[in-house]
Amino acid sequence: MSLRDTLKQREEQREAAQSGGEFPEGVTRYVRMGKHGEVNAEGRTFVILADPDDWFAYYVHEQSTFNGQRTIYHFRKHTCLHSPKGIRADQSAFKKPNPDACPSCLVGAPRKLYAMIPVYDLEYKTYRVIDTKEFHINNLIADYDKAEKMGRKFNPDYTLVGEAVHIKQVDKSFSLESGDASPEQLEEAKKFIGIDYEYEELANFREEADIVKLLHEADEEAKIDRDKLPPVSESNNEKPNEEINDDDLPF
């Protein structure tokens, strides 16, 4: 295979991982969360594909304000370049911002912990990810541990991995409880346990030049040190951005 063919194939694989080629229009690999999302007050049933220790934790730079009607983002949310690229990373090595690794860390842009939860979608019969912030992850893990503890009263080896759970919006966060799935659905879900979920692609790590550009586009209320902001490179202005549309991403 030539270099051109190899690069083309890798680009197609990245796009498939992010948008999910097997999904209908309007549905992506990322599960939409919230009032108008797929996981709302009524909730949605999935099969859990990994233990919380194997969920993908990483960092996102974001700053927003809710004006009573909508959320205003003071700069485009983006993945911190000083983030793990896979599961079970030494989180202590990434806990603090690193100005040498990420332009947004350099200018002091607000930084928050996120995590991706791999789940099997009963409707679309493939894996997807629930990508959400630390506050919601804490609540989901608390419910996860509670359900698993209950199951281990009857079976010491019980695990929620491979079992159906129902996740729904409760107040300003989300809850997790036991769900219903047929034996056939659970068996099909097992095929997706332990596979490569391509988290690095799903996290959409941008080039440094792209991050510098979007920081220059931040509004006046953005909490960044503009004196430390590097200039926008000429090549970045000239080269079109070929990455997937931001509307396809969870941020």
Protein backbone atom coordinates (compact mmCIF):
# COMPACT_ATOMS: atom_id res chain seq x y z
CA MET A 1 0.00 0.00 0.00
CA SER A 2 1.39 3.40 -0.98
CA LEU A 3 1.85 6.27 1.47
CA ARG A 4 -1.08 8.14 -0.11
CA ASP A 5 -3.34 5.10 0.28
CA THR A 6 -2.20 4.58 3.87
CA LEU A 7 -2.87 8.21 4.79
CA LYS A 8 -6.26 8.13 3.09
CA GLN A 9 -7.21 4.95 4.92
CA ARG A 10 -6.15 6.39 8.28
CA GLU A 11 -8.18 9.55 7.62
CA GLU A 12 -11.24 7.45 6.78
CA GLN A 13 -10.77 5.45 9.97
CA ARG A 14 -10.56 8.65 12.03
CA GLU A 15 -13.73 10.01 10.47
CA ALA A 16 -15.54 6.73 11.04
CA ALA A 17 -14.48 6.65 14.68
CA GLN A 18 -15.72 10.20 15.27
CA SER A 19 -18.94 10.28 13.29
CA GLY A 20 -19.84 6.61 13.32
CA GLY A 21 -20.38 5.44 9.75
CA GLU A 22 -23.09 2.95 10.76
CA PHE A 23 -25.38 5.58 12.28
CA PRO A 24 -28.31 7.36 10.62
CA GLU A 25 -28.11 11.07 9.92
CA GLY A 26 -28.05 13.15 13.10
CA VAL A 27 -26.62 10.34 15.25
CA THR A 28 -22.90 10.02 16.01
CA ARG A 29 -20.57 7.90 18.09
CA TYR A 30 -21.18 10.35 20.96
CA VAL A 31 -24.40 9.92 22.94
CA ARG A 32 -26.18 13.27 23.19
CA MET A 33 -26.94 14.10 26.82
CA GLY A 34 -29.48 16.51 28.28
CA LYS A 35 -33.03 17.76 27.95
CA HIS A 36 -33.04 17.66 24.16
CA GLY A 37 -30.61 14.76 23.84
CA GLU A 38 -30.87 11.00 23.68
CA VAL A 39 -30.38 10.69 27.44
CA ASN A 40 -33.08 12.94 28.86
CA ALA A 41 -35.58 12.67 31.71
CA GLU A 42 -37.00 9.47 30.23
CA GLY A 43 -33.54 8.02 29.84
CA ARG A 44 -32.03 5.39 27.59
CA THR A 45 -30.85 1.83 28.15
CA PHE A 46 -27.32 0.72 27.30
CA VAL A 47 -24.98 -2.13 28.14
CA ILE A 48 -21.91 -1.02 30.11
CA LEU A 49 -18.71 -2.09 28.35
CA ALA A 50 -16.06 -1.17 30.93
CA ASP A 51 -15.47 -0.66 34.64
CA PRO A 52 -15.08 2.99 35.75
CA ASP A 53 -11.34 2.44 36.18
CA ASP A 54 -11.25 1.76 32.44
CA TRP A 55 -13.24 4.81 31.38
CA PHE A 56 -11.20 7.34 29.44
CA ALA A 57 -10.40 10.41 31.56
CA TYR A 58 -8.98 13.52 29.91
CA TYR A 59 -9.08 17.32 30.16
CA VAL A 60 -11.05 19.95 28.28
CA HIS A 61 -10.54 23.72 28.16
CA GLU A 62 -13.89 25.47 28.44
CA GLN A 63 -15.50 28.56 29.91
CA SER A 64 -19.19 29.28 29.66
CA THR A 65 -21.93 31.44 31.14
CA PHE A 66 -25.65 30.69 31.27
CA ASN A 67 -27.66 33.85 30.61
CA GLY A 68 -31.00 32.37 31.63
CA GLN A 69 -31.88 31.19 28.16
CA ARG A 70 -28.78 29.61 26.67
CA THR A 71 -25.18 28.75 27.43
CA ILE A 72 -22.61 31.18 26.01
CA TYR A 73 -19.14 29.76 25.41
CA HIS A 74 -16.42 32.40 25.67
CA PHE A 75 -14.15 30.34 23.43
CA ARG A 76 -14.66 27.12 21.55
CA LYS A 77 -14.35 24.09 23.84
CA HIS A 78 -11.40 21.90 23.00
CA THR A 79 -9.35 19.03 24.36
CA CYS A 80 -6.30 19.99 26.39
CA LEU A 81 -3.15 18.75 24.69
CA HIS A 82 -1.79 17.86 28.13
CA SER A 83 -4.19 14.93 28.46
CA PRO A 84 -3.84 11.15 28.53
CA LYS A 85 -4.19 9.37 25.20
CA GLY A 86 -5.54 6.14 26.67
CA ILE A 87 -7.06 4.48 29.74
CA ARG A 88 -5.39 3.77 33.09
CA ALA A 89 -2.95 6.65 32.65
CA ASP A 90 -1.16 8.14 35.64
CA GLN A 91 -3.67 10.93 36.28
CA SER A 92 -1.30 12.69 38.67
CA ALA A 93 0.95 13.44 35.70
CA PHE A 94 -1.85 15.35 33.97
CA LYS A 95 -3.65 16.93 36.92
CA LYS A 96 -1.93 20.29 36.62
CA PRO A 97 -1.85 22.45 33.45
CA ASN A 98 1.34 22.21 31.40
CA PRO A 99 2.17 25.45 29.53
CA ASP A 100 4.92 23.66 27.61
CA ALA A 101 2.49 21.11 26.18
CA CYS A 102 -0.67 23.10 25.48
CA PRO A 103 -1.23 26.73 24.34
CA SER A 104 -4.44 26.91 26.39
CA CYS A 105 -2.53 25.92 29.52
CA LEU A 106 0.00 28.62 28.67
CA VAL A 107 -2.63 31.36 28.71
CA GLY A 108 -4.44 29.96 31.76
CA ALA A 109 -7.67 28.94 30.03
CA PRO A 110 -10.09 27.22 32.46
CA ARG A 111 -9.50 23.45 32.39
CA LYS A 112 -11.91 20.70 33.46
CA LEU A 113 -11.84 16.93 33.80
CA TYR A 114 -14.02 14.90 31.45
CA ALA A 115 -14.45 11.17 30.87
CA MET A 116 -15.82 8.91 28.16
CA ILE A 117 -17.90 5.87 29.11
CA PRO A 118 -18.05 3.08 26.49
CA VAL A 119 -21.55 1.64 26.14
CA TYR A 120 -23.37 -0.68 23.76
CA ASP A 121 -26.40 0.96 22.17
CA LEU A 122 -29.29 -1.50 21.96
CA GLU A 123 -30.93 0.42 19.13
CA TYR A 124 -27.93 0.88 16.86
CA LYS A 125 -26.25 -2.40 17.84
CA THR A 126 -22.75 -0.99 18.22
CA TYR A 127 -20.60 0.82 20.74
CA ARG A 128 -20.93 4.50 21.55
CA VAL A 129 -19.48 6.80 24.21
CA ILE A 130 -21.08 8.94 26.87
CA ASP A 131 -18.73 11.92 27.09
CA THR A 132 -19.37 14.18 30.05
CA LYS A 133 -17.77 16.27 32.79
CA GLU A 134 -16.46 15.36 36.23
CA PHE A 135 -19.60 16.29 38.18
CA HIS A 136 -21.79 13.92 36.16
CA ILE A 137 -19.14 11.20 36.11
CA ASN A 138 -18.98 11.28 39.92
CA ASN A 139 -22.74 10.78 40.16
CA LEU A 140 -22.74 7.95 37.62
CA ILE A 141 -19.88 6.16 39.38
CA ALA A 142 -21.68 6.47 42.73
CA ASP A 143 -24.76 4.80 41.22
CA TYR A 144 -22.57 2.23 39.46
CA ASP A 145 -20.85 1.25 42.71
CA LYS A 146 -24.18 1.10 44.55
CA ALA A 147 -25.69 -1.25 41.95
CA GLU A 148 -22.59 -3.44 41.86
CA LYS A 149 -22.47 -3.64 45.67
CA MET A 150 -26.07 -4.79 45.72
CA GLY A 151 -25.36 -7.50 43.14
CA ARG A 152 -22.36 -8.77 45.07
CA LYS A 153 -24.56 -9.55 48.06
CA PHE A 154 -25.83 -12.49 46.01
CA ASN A 155 -22.75 -13.13 43.84
CA PRO A 156 -19.28 -12.05 45.03
CA ASP A 157 -18.05 -11.97 41.42
CA TYR A 158 -20.90 -9.81 40.11
CA THR A 159 -19.96 -6.95 37.80
CA LEU A 160 -22.01 -4.40 35.88
CA VAL A 161 -19.71 -4.78 32.88
CA GLY A 162 -21.79 -6.54 30.24
CA GLU A 163 -25.06 -5.75 32.01
CA ALA A 164 -27.87 -3.42 30.97
CA VAL A 165 -28.21 -0.06 32.71
CA HIS A 166 -30.72 2.74 32.34
CA ILE A 167 -29.23 6.24 32.38
CA LYS A 168 -31.47 9.28 32.70
CA GLN A 169 -31.35 12.97 33.50
CA VAL A 170 -32.22 13.80 37.10
CA ASP A 171 -32.35 17.46 38.15
CA LYS A 172 -29.09 18.92 36.83
CA SER A 173 -27.19 15.66 36.51
CA PHE A 174 -27.66 12.01 35.52
CA SER A 175 -28.44 8.75 37.30
CA LEU A 176 -27.69 5.11 36.54
CA GLU A 177 -29.82 2.12 37.51
CA SER A 178 -30.36 -1.45 36.37
CA GLY A 179 -31.88 -1.78 32.92
CA ASP A 180 -33.55 -4.45 30.82
CA ALA A 181 -32.05 -6.23 27.82
CA SER A 182 -32.65 -9.61 26.25
CA PRO A 183 -30.08 -12.43 26.55
CA GLU A 184 -29.44 -12.03 22.82
CA GLN A 185 -28.70 -8.32 23.22
CA LEU A 186 -26.33 -8.95 26.12
CA GLU A 187 -24.52 -11.62 24.12
CA GLU A 188 -24.12 -9.26 21.18
CA ALA A 189 -22.81 -6.51 23.47
CA LYS A 190 -20.05 -8.81 24.75
CA LYS A 191 -18.37 -8.58 21.34
CA PHE A 192 -17.57 -4.93 22.09
CA ILE A 193 -16.04 -5.44 25.54
CA GLY A 194 -12.31 -4.80 25.56
CA ILE A 195 -12.00 -3.57 21.96
CA ASP A 196 -10.08 -0.46 20.93
CA TYR A 197 -12.58 2.39 21.30
CA GLU A 198 -10.15 4.81 19.64
CA TYR A 199 -10.41 7.36 22.43
CA GLU A 200 -7.55 9.46 21.08
CA GLU A 201 -9.49 10.06 17.87
CA LEU A 202 -12.76 10.64 19.71
CA ALA A 203 -11.14 13.24 21.95
CA ASN A 204 -10.27 15.26 18.82
CA PHE A 205 -6.81 16.48 19.80
CA ARG A 206 -6.21 19.60 17.72
CA GLU A 207 -2.96 20.93 16.30
CA GLU A 208 -1.34 23.66 18.42
CA ALA A 209 -1.84 26.19 15.63
CA ASP A 210 -5.58 25.46 15.57
CA ILE A 211 -5.83 26.02 19.32
CA VAL A 212 -3.93 29.31 19.09
CA LYS A 213 -6.34 30.45 16.39
CA LEU A 214 -9.48 29.66 18.39
CA LEU A 215 -7.99 31.38 21.46
CA HIS A 216 -7.51 34.50 19.35
CA GLU A 217 -11.23 34.24 18.53
CA ALA A 218 -12.21 34.17 22.24
CA ASP A 219 -14.62 36.87 23.37
CA GLU A 220 -13.76 39.68 25.79
CA GLU A 221 -14.99 37.76 28.83
CA ALA A 222 -12.66 34.82 28.26
CA LYS A 223 -10.38 34.21 31.24
CA ILE A 224 -7.11 33.96 29.33
CA ASP A 225 -3.82 35.86 29.52
CA ARG A 226 -3.72 37.45 26.09
CA ASP A 227 -0.20 38.77 26.71
CA LYS A 228 1.05 35.17 26.60
CA LEU A 229 -0.97 34.24 23.53
CA PRO A 230 1.27 33.25 20.60
CA PRO A 231 0.56 34.89 17.23
CA VAL A 232 -1.55 33.08 14.66
CA SER A 233 0.75 31.42 12.14
CA GLU A 234 0.38 32.37 8.48
CA SER A 235 0.11 28.72 7.48
CA ASN A 236 -2.88 28.34 9.80
CA ASN A 237 -4.62 31.23 8.09
CA GLU A 238 -3.98 29.80 4.65
CA LYS A 239 -4.69 26.12 5.27
CA PRO A 240 -8.38 25.12 5.44
CA ASN A 241 -9.41 23.12 8.48
CA GLU A 242 -10.20 19.60 7.28
CA GLU A 243 -11.26 18.14 10.62
CA ILE A 244 -14.80 17.05 11.27
CA ASN A 245 -17.51 19.60 11.89
CA ASP A 246 -17.77 20.77 15.50
CA ASP A 247 -21.50 20.00 15.40
CA ASP A 248 -20.57 16.31 15.28
CA LEU A 249 -18.58 16.54 18.51
CA PRO A 250 -19.84 16.51 22.10
CA PHE A 251 -18.18 19.93 22.69
